[in-house]
C-alpha atoms as a PDB file:
ATOM      1  CA  MET A   1      81.127 154.304-216.536  1.00  0.00           C
ATOM      2  CA  ASP A   2      81.850 157.443-214.572  1.00  0.00           C
ATOM      3  CA  THR A   3      85.453 158.505-215.119  1.00  0.00           C
ATOM      4  CA  ASP A   4      85.521 160.712-212.034  1.00  0.00           C
ATOM      5  CA  LEU A   5      84.415 157.847-209.767  1.00  0.00           C
ATOM      6  CA  ASP A   6      86.878 155.506-211.462  1.00  0.00           C
ATOM      7  CA  THR A   7      89.673 157.985-210.860  1.00  0.00           C
ATOM      8  CA  LEU A   8      88.628 158.474-207.231  1.00  0.00           C
ATOM      9  CA  ALA A   9      88.461 154.730-206.582  1.00  0.00           C
ATOM     10  CA  THR A  10      91.803 154.093-208.245  1.00  0.00           C
ATOM     11  CA  ALA A  11      93.546 156.931-206.399  1.00  0.00           C
ATOM     12  CA  LEU A  12      92.075 155.860-203.041  1.00  0.00           C
ATOM     13  CA  CYS A  13      93.049 152.237-203.551  1.00  0.00           C
ATOM     14  CA  VAL A  14      96.610 153.094-204.577  1.00  0.00           C
ATOM     15  CA  LYS A  15      97.022 155.506-201.642  1.00  0.00           C
ATOM     16  CA  ALA A  16      95.546 153.036-199.144  1.00  0.00           C
ATOM     17  CA  ASP A  17      97.779 150.273-200.482  1.00  0.00           C
ATOM     18  CA  ASP A  18     100.855 152.499-200.258  1.00  0.00           C
ATOM     19  CA  LEU A  19     100.017 153.579-196.705  1.00  0.00           C
ATOM     20  CA  LEU A  20      99.417 149.996-195.577  1.00  0.00           C
ATOM     21  CA  LYS A  21     102.769 148.958-197.046  1.00  0.00           C
ATOM     22  CA  GLN A  22     104.565 151.894-195.374  1.00  0.00           C
ATOM     23  CA  THR A  23     103.074 151.088-191.988  1.00  0.00           C
ATOM     24  CA  PRO A  24     102.509 147.320-191.846  1.00  0.00           C
ATOM     25  CA  GLU A  25     101.796 147.534-188.115  1.00  0.00           C
ATOM     26  CA  GLN A  26      98.528 149.308-189.028  1.00  0.00           C
ATOM     27  CA  ALA A  27      97.331 146.386-191.165  1.00  0.00           C
ATOM     28  CA  PRO A  28      95.281 143.697-189.426  1.00  0.00           C
ATOM     29  CA  SER A  29      97.151 140.571-188.432  1.00  0.00           C
ATOM     30  CA  ARG A  30      96.396 137.470-190.456  1.00  0.00           C
ATOM     31  CA  PRO A  31      96.520 133.957-189.036  1.00  0.00           C
ATOM     32  CA  ALA A  32      98.959 131.537-190.686  1.00  0.00           C
ATOM     33  CA  VAL A  33      96.105 129.172-191.526  1.00  0.00           C
ATOM     34  CA  GLY A  34      92.514 129.697-192.498  1.00  0.00           C
ATOM     35  CA  ILE A  35      90.515 131.179-195.326  1.00  0.00           C
ATOM     36  CA  ALA A  36      92.467 133.626-197.448  1.00  0.00           C
ATOM     37  CA  PRO A  37      90.825 137.025-197.935  1.00  0.00           C
ATOM     38  CA  ARG A  38      89.195 137.564-201.333  1.00  0.00           C
ATOM     39  CA  ILE A  39      89.770 141.305-201.395  1.00  0.00           C
ATOM     40  CA  SER A  40      92.738 143.260-200.140  1.00  0.00           C
ATOM     41  CA  ASP A  41      92.819 145.526-197.114  1.00  0.00           C
ATOM     42  CA  ALA A  42      93.297 148.468-199.490  1.00  0.00           C
ATOM     43  CA  GLU A  43      90.077 147.543-201.307  1.00  0.00           C
ATOM     44  CA  VAL A  44      88.172 147.413-198.008  1.00  0.00           C
ATOM     45  CA  VAL A  45      89.499 150.862-197.063  1.00  0.00           C
ATOM     46  CA  THR A  46      88.633 152.180-200.535  1.00  0.00           C
ATOM     47  CA  LEU A  47      85.070 150.914-200.298  1.00  0.00           C
ATOM     48  CA  ALA A  48      84.583 152.395-196.832  1.00  0.00           C
ATOM     49  CA  VAL A  49      86.035 155.790-197.771  1.00  0.00           C
ATOM     50  CA  MET A  50      84.044 155.989-201.012  1.00  0.00           C
ATOM     51  CA  GLN A  51      80.857 155.072-199.161  1.00  0.00           C
ATOM     52  CA  ALA A  52      81.463 157.867-196.660  1.00  0.00           C
ATOM     53  CA  LEU A  53      82.553 160.459-199.236  1.00  0.00           C
ATOM     54  CA  LEU A  54      79.543 159.783-201.439  1.00  0.00           C
ATOM     55  CA  GLY A  55      77.179 160.048-198.455  1.00  0.00           C
ATOM     56  CA  PHE A  56      75.814 156.506-198.310  1.00  0.00           C
ATOM     57  CA  THR A  57      74.698 155.693-194.778  1.00  0.00           C
ATOM     58  CA  SER A  58      73.102 152.397-195.803  1.00  0.00           C
ATOM     59  CA  GLU A  59      75.446 149.564-196.732  1.00  0.00           C
ATOM     60  CA  ALA A  60      72.728 147.956-198.870  1.00  0.00           C
ATOM     61  CA  ARG A  61      72.259 151.176-200.855  1.00  0.00           C
ATOM     62  CA  TRP A  62      76.009 151.546-201.283  1.00  0.00           C
ATOM     63  CA  LEU A  63      76.330 147.978-202.572  1.00  0.00           C
ATOM     64  CA  ARG A  64      73.449 148.549-205.020  1.00  0.00           C
ATOM     65  CA  PHE A  65      75.064 151.782-206.222  1.00  0.00           C
ATOM     66  CA  SER A  66      78.506 150.235-206.616  1.00  0.00           C
ATOM     67  CA  ARG A  67      77.045 147.209-208.390  1.00  0.00           C
ATOM     68  CA  LYS A  68      75.264 149.489-210.880  1.00  0.00           C
ATOM     69  CA  HIS A  69      77.876 152.224-211.376  1.00  0.00           C
ATOM     70  CA  LEU A  70      81.205 150.573-210.561  1.00  0.00           C
ATOM     71  CA  PRO A  71      80.889 146.877-211.426  1.00  0.00           C
ATOM     72  CA  HIS A  72      84.220 146.810-213.229  1.00  0.00           C
ATOM     73  CA  LEU A  73      86.015 148.033-210.088  1.00  0.00           C
ATOM     74  CA  PHE A  74      84.318 146.093-207.294  1.00  0.00           C
ATOM     75  CA  ARG A  75      82.917 142.994-208.985  1.00  0.00           C
ATOM     76  CA  SER A  76      84.140 140.493-206.398  1.00  0.00           C
ATOM     77  CA  THR A  77      82.887 142.647-203.529  1.00  0.00           C
ATOM     78  CA  TRP A  78      79.285 142.882-204.636  1.00  0.00           C
ATOM     79  CA  LEU A  79      79.219 139.237-205.672  1.00  0.00           C
ATOM     80  CA  LEU A  80      80.293 138.300-202.145  1.00  0.00           C
ATOM     81  CA  ALA A  81      77.693 140.633-200.661  1.00  0.00           C
ATOM     82  CA  CYS A  82      75.021 138.893-202.739  1.00  0.00           C
ATOM     83  CA  GLY A  83      76.176 135.464-201.596  1.00  0.00           C
ATOM     84  CA  GLN A  84      77.748 134.489-204.918  1.00  0.00           C
ATOM     85  CA  LYS A  85      81.242 133.182-205.472  1.00  0.00           C
ATOM     86  CA  PRO A  86      83.408 135.423-207.674  1.00  0.00           C
ATOM     87  CA  SER A  87      85.448 133.740-210.374  1.00  0.00           C
ATOM     88  CA  ARG A  88      89.160 134.538-210.479  1.00  0.00           C
END
C-alpha cells in the first residue's frame, strides 16, 4: 500500500464529489430507467485525474497499475475492466 497514492486518491474523490454536488448541472444526466452505474461520477473523475497525473497514456497500463497498487481503492473498477462482476 502506498500511503501517498491513497491520500491522493481519497482527496481527489472527496473534492470531485463535493464539486459535483455543488454544481449538479455539471454532472451527466441519468435516465429514470436502465442499468444503475456501479461506480460514482466522482470515482470516474478520480480515476481519470490520477491516470493523467501519474503519466499513464495507456488505459490498459493504468488498469494494471491500479489493480496491483491500489486494489483496495478501485476494486470494482478493475473487476469491471476485466469483465468480472464485483460483489457488493
